Amino acid sequence: MKNASPPTSFSLRLFKLPLLLAVATAMILAGCAVPPPASTGPTPDEIAKQQRLERANNNINDGLKSYDAGNYDDAIKNFLLALDSRVLTPPQQLNARKHMAFIYCVSNREANCREEFEKLLGIDAKFELSPAETGHPVWGPVFRNVKNEIEARRSGRAFFSPAAKVPTTGEKLMTDAMIAYDAADYIKSVKIFQDALKETLSTDNQLKAHKFTAFSYCLSNRMTLCQQEFEKILQSQPDFELSAAEVGHPSWGPSFRRAKARIKSIAAKPVAPVKK
């Protein structure tokens, strides 16, 4: 019996063709099965959160502008909208609640003022007002009272609110003047500060009356009177300095520096000898 002849190259090519087609088809299908790359853009939830954050920041800024302008109702409205967004950072929450407390205190709504200070201290138990804020005659005592009460409650100590001190006529006028100043009624604040200086005041209150009178003059564009008021302070206290929060103010800062330079130049002039 004759041996079968080996397959020709043509028959081999016919045999491999289906295999090649199968491999090519599998590769094409595998390529089609590769999922598309994931989107790198923000999700709808992230976009919505960013929009809430932007609105909240705008509300905070608008609230602070309204506060500085004495538009307290608008300020409260904007601060509440910002807080309701639930996206504020703790420092932003503290700032909003602090200014709401200030507004309530100077508007004779002490219960609301206390409530905002309590919420503020619930966010940060170690929170303190700035040196320029803590001595305010209206909200300063309320803040200290609330802070002491909360600290006593946490430590299990009994807390007794100090008996309210009956303010003197001068102290009442200082409170009224600060309320007018905080409401941006600078003409009224100057008049009341000047009335207060006619009464018996402590040294600190005398200094505060002159300083805020100067601030009021500067903020109402009466720069000469502003500088003169600073000079009255420096004549009695040559080493007087504004606080770090006050010294850079664009309105009264330059007037204070001019007053300080003038008092220093007067002090440097040689005294003429007395003729005998």
Protein backbone atom coordinates (compact mmCIF):
# COMPACT_ATOMS: atom_id res chain seq x y z
CA MET A 1 0.00 0.00 0.00
CA LYS A 2 1.38 3.33 -0.95
CA ASN A 3 1.98 5.95 1.77
CA ALA A 4 -0.32 9.03 1.66
CA SER A 5 1.42 11.99 0.17
CA PRO A 6 2.12 14.90 2.58
CA PRO A 7 -0.35 17.84 2.47
CA THR A 8 0.52 20.53 0.01
CA SER A 9 1.14 24.15 1.11
CA PHE A 10 -2.20 25.08 -0.40
CA SER A 11 -4.08 22.58 1.77
CA LEU A 12 -2.23 23.82 4.86
CA ARG A 13 -3.32 27.36 4.11
CA LEU A 14 -6.93 26.16 3.80
CA PHE A 15 -6.64 24.42 7.14
CA LYS A 16 -5.26 27.51 8.96
CA LEU A 17 -7.73 29.99 7.47
CA PRO A 18 -10.69 29.18 9.79
CA LEU A 19 -8.35 29.33 12.80
CA LEU A 20 -7.05 32.74 11.83
CA LEU A 21 -10.56 34.02 11.27
CA ALA A 22 -11.60 32.76 14.71
CA VAL A 23 -8.63 34.45 16.41
CA ALA A 24 -9.26 37.72 14.58
CA THR A 25 -12.96 37.66 15.49
CA ALA A 26 -12.12 37.02 19.17
CA MET A 27 -9.70 39.95 19.21
CA ILE A 28 -12.28 42.28 17.67
CA LEU A 29 -14.91 41.20 20.16
CA ALA A 30 -12.47 41.57 23.03
CA GLY A 31 -11.71 45.11 21.88
CA CYS A 32 -15.39 45.97 21.78
CA ALA A 33 -15.83 44.63 25.31
CA VAL A 34 -13.36 47.11 26.84
CA PRO A 35 -15.44 49.58 28.95
CA PRO A 36 -15.10 53.28 28.13
CA PRO A 37 -12.88 55.34 30.48
CA ALA A 38 -14.63 56.66 33.58
CA SER A 39 -15.62 60.35 33.53
CA THR A 40 -13.24 62.56 35.57
CA GLY A 41 -15.68 65.49 35.96
CA PRO A 42 -17.61 66.33 39.18
CA THR A 43 -20.73 64.36 40.00
CA PRO A 44 -24.14 66.09 40.20
CA ASP A 45 -23.97 65.85 44.01
CA GLU A 46 -20.55 67.52 44.02
CA ILE A 47 -21.78 70.29 41.72
CA ALA A 48 -24.82 70.92 43.95
CA LYS A 49 -22.62 71.06 47.08
CA GLN A 50 -20.24 73.54 45.43
CA GLN A 51 -23.19 75.74 44.46
CA ARG A 52 -24.49 75.67 48.06
CA LEU A 53 -21.01 76.60 49.31
CA GLU A 54 -20.77 79.56 46.92
CA ARG A 55 -24.22 80.83 47.96
CA ALA A 56 -23.32 80.42 51.64
CA ASN A 57 -20.06 82.36 51.18
CA ASN A 58 -21.96 85.13 49.40
CA ASN A 59 -24.49 85.23 52.25
CA ILE A 60 -21.70 85.53 54.83
CA ASN A 61 -20.04 88.36 52.91
CA ASP A 62 -23.37 90.17 52.37
CA GLY A 63 -24.19 89.73 56.06
CA LEU A 64 -20.90 91.31 57.15
CA LYS A 65 -21.39 94.22 54.75
CA SER A 66 -24.92 94.80 56.08
CA TYR A 67 -23.60 94.60 59.67
CA ASP A 68 -20.91 97.21 58.97
CA ALA A 69 -23.56 99.45 57.38
CA GLY A 70 -25.89 99.09 60.37
CA ASN A 71 -28.53 97.18 58.33
CA TYR A 72 -29.10 94.62 61.03
CA ASP A 73 -32.24 92.97 59.65
CA ASP A 74 -30.51 92.24 56.35
CA ALA A 75 -27.43 91.02 58.20
CA ILE A 76 -29.44 88.55 60.31
CA LYS A 77 -31.27 87.28 57.21
CA ASN A 78 -28.01 86.60 55.36
CA PHE A 79 -26.31 84.98 58.35
CA LEU A 80 -29.29 82.63 58.85
CA LEU A 81 -29.32 81.67 55.15
CA ALA A 82 -25.60 80.88 55.36
CA LEU A 83 -26.01 78.78 58.52
CA ASP A 84 -29.00 76.90 57.07
CA SER A 85 -26.87 75.75 54.12
CA ARG A 86 -25.03 73.27 56.41
CA VAL A 87 -21.83 73.74 54.40
CA LEU A 88 -20.05 76.42 56.46
CA THR A 89 -16.73 75.64 58.09
CA PRO A 90 -16.59 75.94 61.92
CA PRO A 91 -14.76 79.32 61.75
CA GLN A 92 -17.46 80.64 59.39
CA GLN A 93 -20.18 79.40 61.75
CA LEU A 94 -18.46 81.12 64.68
CA ASN A 95 -18.18 84.38 62.75
CA ALA A 96 -21.85 84.35 61.72
CA ARG A 97 -23.14 83.53 65.22
CA LYS A 98 -20.82 86.08 66.85
CA HIS A 99 -22.15 88.90 64.71
CA MET A 100 -25.75 87.76 65.23
CA ALA A 101 -25.14 87.89 68.99
CA PHE A 102 -23.71 91.41 68.65
CA ILE A 103 -26.78 92.53 66.71
CA TYR A 104 -29.20 91.04 69.23
CA CYS A 105 -27.32 92.62 72.14
CA VAL A 106 -27.25 96.15 70.70
CA SER A 107 -30.93 95.76 69.73
CA ASN A 108 -31.87 95.06 73.38
CA ARG A 109 -32.71 91.40 72.65
CA GLU A 110 -30.51 89.94 75.37
CA ALA A 111 -32.18 86.50 75.41
CA ASN A 112 -31.40 86.05 71.70
CA CYS A 113 -27.90 87.40 72.27
CA ARG A 114 -27.28 84.82 75.02
CA GLU A 115 -28.67 82.04 72.84
CA GLU A 116 -26.26 82.84 69.98
CA PHE A 117 -23.29 82.98 72.37
CA GLU A 118 -24.34 79.58 73.78
CA LYS A 119 -24.51 78.07 70.26
CA LEU A 120 -21.15 79.63 69.47
CA LEU A 121 -19.53 78.11 72.56
CA GLY A 122 -21.15 74.78 71.69
CA ILE A 123 -19.10 74.82 68.48
CA ASP A 124 -15.87 75.90 70.23
CA ALA A 125 -15.82 75.87 74.02
CA LYS A 126 -12.50 77.76 74.05
CA PHE A 127 -13.71 80.60 71.84
CA GLU A 128 -12.81 84.12 73.00
CA LEU A 129 -13.76 87.55 71.70
CA SER A 130 -10.96 89.75 70.39
CA PRO A 131 -9.50 92.39 72.73
CA ALA A 132 -11.39 95.07 70.79
CA GLU A 133 -14.67 93.15 71.23
CA THR A 134 -14.41 91.84 74.77
CA GLY A 135 -14.52 95.29 76.36
CA HIS A 136 -17.70 96.32 74.56
CA PRO A 137 -20.13 97.63 77.20
CA VAL A 138 -23.18 95.95 75.64
CA TRP A 139 -22.23 92.43 74.55
CA GLY A 140 -18.99 92.01 76.56
CA PRO A 141 -20.70 91.34 79.93
CA VAL A 142 -23.28 89.04 78.29
CA PHE A 143 -20.56 86.92 76.66
CA ARG A 144 -18.56 86.60 79.88
CA ASN A 145 -21.69 85.66 81.83
CA VAL A 146 -22.66 82.96 79.31
CA LYS A 147 -19.11 81.57 79.18
CA ASN A 148 -18.84 81.40 82.98
CA GLU A 149 -22.23 79.72 83.22
CA ILE A 150 -21.34 77.06 80.65
CA GLU A 151 -17.97 76.36 82.29
CA ALA A 152 -19.67 76.02 85.69
CA ARG A 153 -22.28 73.66 84.24
CA ARG A 154 -19.63 71.44 82.64
CA SER A 155 -17.60 71.20 85.85
CA GLY A 156 -20.68 70.52 87.99
CA ARG A 157 -20.30 73.73 89.96
CA ALA A 158 -23.20 75.89 91.01
CA PHE A 159 -23.38 79.12 89.09
CA PHE A 160 -24.80 82.31 90.46
CA SER A 161 -25.24 85.16 88.05
CA PRO A 162 -23.71 88.31 89.54
CA ALA A 163 -26.15 90.92 90.64
CA ALA A 164 -26.67 93.49 87.96
CA LYS A 165 -24.70 96.64 88.68
CA VAL A 166 -26.66 99.85 88.44
CA PRO A 167 -24.83 101.89 85.80
CA THR A 168 -23.95 105.50 86.40
CA THR A 169 -25.22 108.26 84.12
CA GLY A 170 -21.87 108.29 82.33
CA GLU A 171 -21.93 104.50 81.83
CA LYS A 172 -25.48 104.66 80.46
CA LEU A 173 -24.40 107.33 78.00
CA MET A 174 -21.40 105.22 76.95
CA THR A 175 -23.72 102.28 76.24
CA ASP A 176 -26.08 104.49 74.22
CA ALA A 177 -23.16 105.98 72.31
CA MET A 178 -21.78 102.55 71.42
CA ILE A 179 -25.22 101.44 70.20
CA ALA A 180 -25.38 104.52 67.94
CA TYR A 181 -21.83 103.85 66.73
CA ASP A 182 -22.59 100.20 65.95
CA ALA A 183 -25.66 101.34 64.03
CA ALA A 184 -23.40 103.62 61.93
CA ASP A 185 -25.20 106.73 63.25
CA TYR A 186 -21.93 108.61 63.71
CA ILE A 187 -23.36 112.10 64.23
CA LYS A 188 -25.49 110.79 67.08
CA SER A 189 -22.64 108.74 68.56
CA VAL A 190 -20.33 111.79 68.69
CA LYS A 191 -22.95 113.83 70.53
CA ILE A 192 -23.55 111.11 73.12
CA PHE A 193 -19.83 110.44 73.62
CA GLN A 194 -19.31 114.16 74.26
CA ASP A 195 -22.21 114.14 76.76
CA ALA A 196 -20.64 111.12 78.47
CA LEU A 197 -17.29 112.94 78.82
CA LYS A 198 -19.08 115.64 80.82
CA GLU A 199 -20.02 113.00 83.40
CA THR A 200 -17.83 111.08 85.83
CA LEU A 201 -16.12 108.33 83.84
CA SER A 202 -13.34 105.88 84.60
CA THR A 203 -10.01 106.48 82.84
CA ASP A 204 -10.71 103.55 80.50
CA ASN A 205 -14.11 104.95 79.54
CA GLN A 206 -12.68 108.43 78.98
CA LEU A 207 -10.10 106.93 76.63
CA LYS A 208 -12.77 104.85 74.88
CA ALA A 209 -15.04 107.88 74.46
CA HIS A 210 -12.28 109.91 72.80
CA LYS A 211 -11.18 106.99 70.62
CA PHE A 212 -14.65 106.17 69.32
CA THR A 213 -15.38 109.86 68.85
CA ALA A 214 -12.31 109.96 66.59
CA PHE A 215 -13.51 106.83 64.77
CA SER A 216 -16.93 108.42 64.29
CA TYR A 217 -15.42 111.62 62.89
CA CYS A 218 -13.25 109.70 60.44
CA LEU A 219 -16.08 107.43 59.31
CA SER A 220 -18.21 110.50 58.59
CA ASN A 221 -15.36 112.17 56.64
CA ARG A 222 -14.57 114.82 59.26
CA MET A 223 -10.83 114.14 59.15
CA THR A 224 -9.58 117.29 60.88
CA LEU A 225 -11.81 116.65 63.89
CA CYS A 226 -10.78 112.99 63.83
CA GLN A 227 -7.07 113.90 64.06
CA GLN A 228 -7.75 116.47 66.79
CA GLU A 229 -9.56 113.84 68.87
CA PHE A 230 -6.58 111.49 68.56
CA GLU A 231 -4.30 114.34 69.61
CA LYS A 232 -6.36 114.80 72.80
CA ILE A 233 -5.64 111.15 73.68
CA LEU A 234 -1.93 111.41 72.86
CA GLN A 235 -1.50 114.61 74.86
CA SER A 236 -2.51 112.74 78.02
CA GLN A 237 -1.07 109.35 76.98
CA PRO A 238 1.84 109.81 74.54
CA ASP A 239 2.46 106.04 74.37
CA PHE A 240 -1.15 105.25 73.41
CA GLU A 241 -1.49 102.80 70.51
CA LEU A 242 -4.48 101.45 68.62
CA SER A 243 -5.08 97.71 68.78
CA ALA A 244 -3.76 95.42 66.04
CA ALA A 245 -7.29 95.15 64.66
CA GLU A 246 -7.67 98.95 64.58
CA VAL A 247 -4.30 100.28 63.48
CA GLY A 248 -4.64 99.24 59.83
CA HIS A 249 -8.10 100.69 59.31
CA PRO A 250 -8.12 102.68 56.04
CA SER A 251 -10.33 105.43 57.46
CA TRP A 252 -8.83 106.38 60.81
CA GLY A 253 -5.38 104.73 60.56
CA PRO A 254 -3.75 107.58 58.58
CA SER A 255 -5.33 110.22 60.86
CA PHE A 256 -3.96 108.48 63.94
CA ARG A 257 -0.46 108.29 62.45
CA ARG A 258 -0.56 112.00 61.55
CA ALA A 259 -1.71 112.88 65.06
CA LYS A 260 1.05 110.77 66.58
CA ALA A 261 3.70 112.38 64.35
CA ARG A 262 2.47 115.89 65.21
CA ILE A 263 2.47 115.29 68.97
CA LYS A 264 5.96 113.78 68.70
CA SER A 265 7.26 116.78 66.73
CA ILE A 266 5.83 119.20 69.31
CA ALA A 267 7.46 117.27 72.14
CA ALA A 268 10.81 117.32 70.30
CA LYS A 269 10.92 121.12 69.98
CA PRO A 270 13.41 122.72 72.41
CA VAL A 271 11.91 124.78 75.15
CA ALA A 272 12.97 128.42 75.03
CA PRO A 273 14.83 129.50 78.18
CA VAL A 274 12.95 131.76 80.54
CA LYS A 275 14.36 135.29 80.56
CA LYS A 276 15.19 136.66 83.94
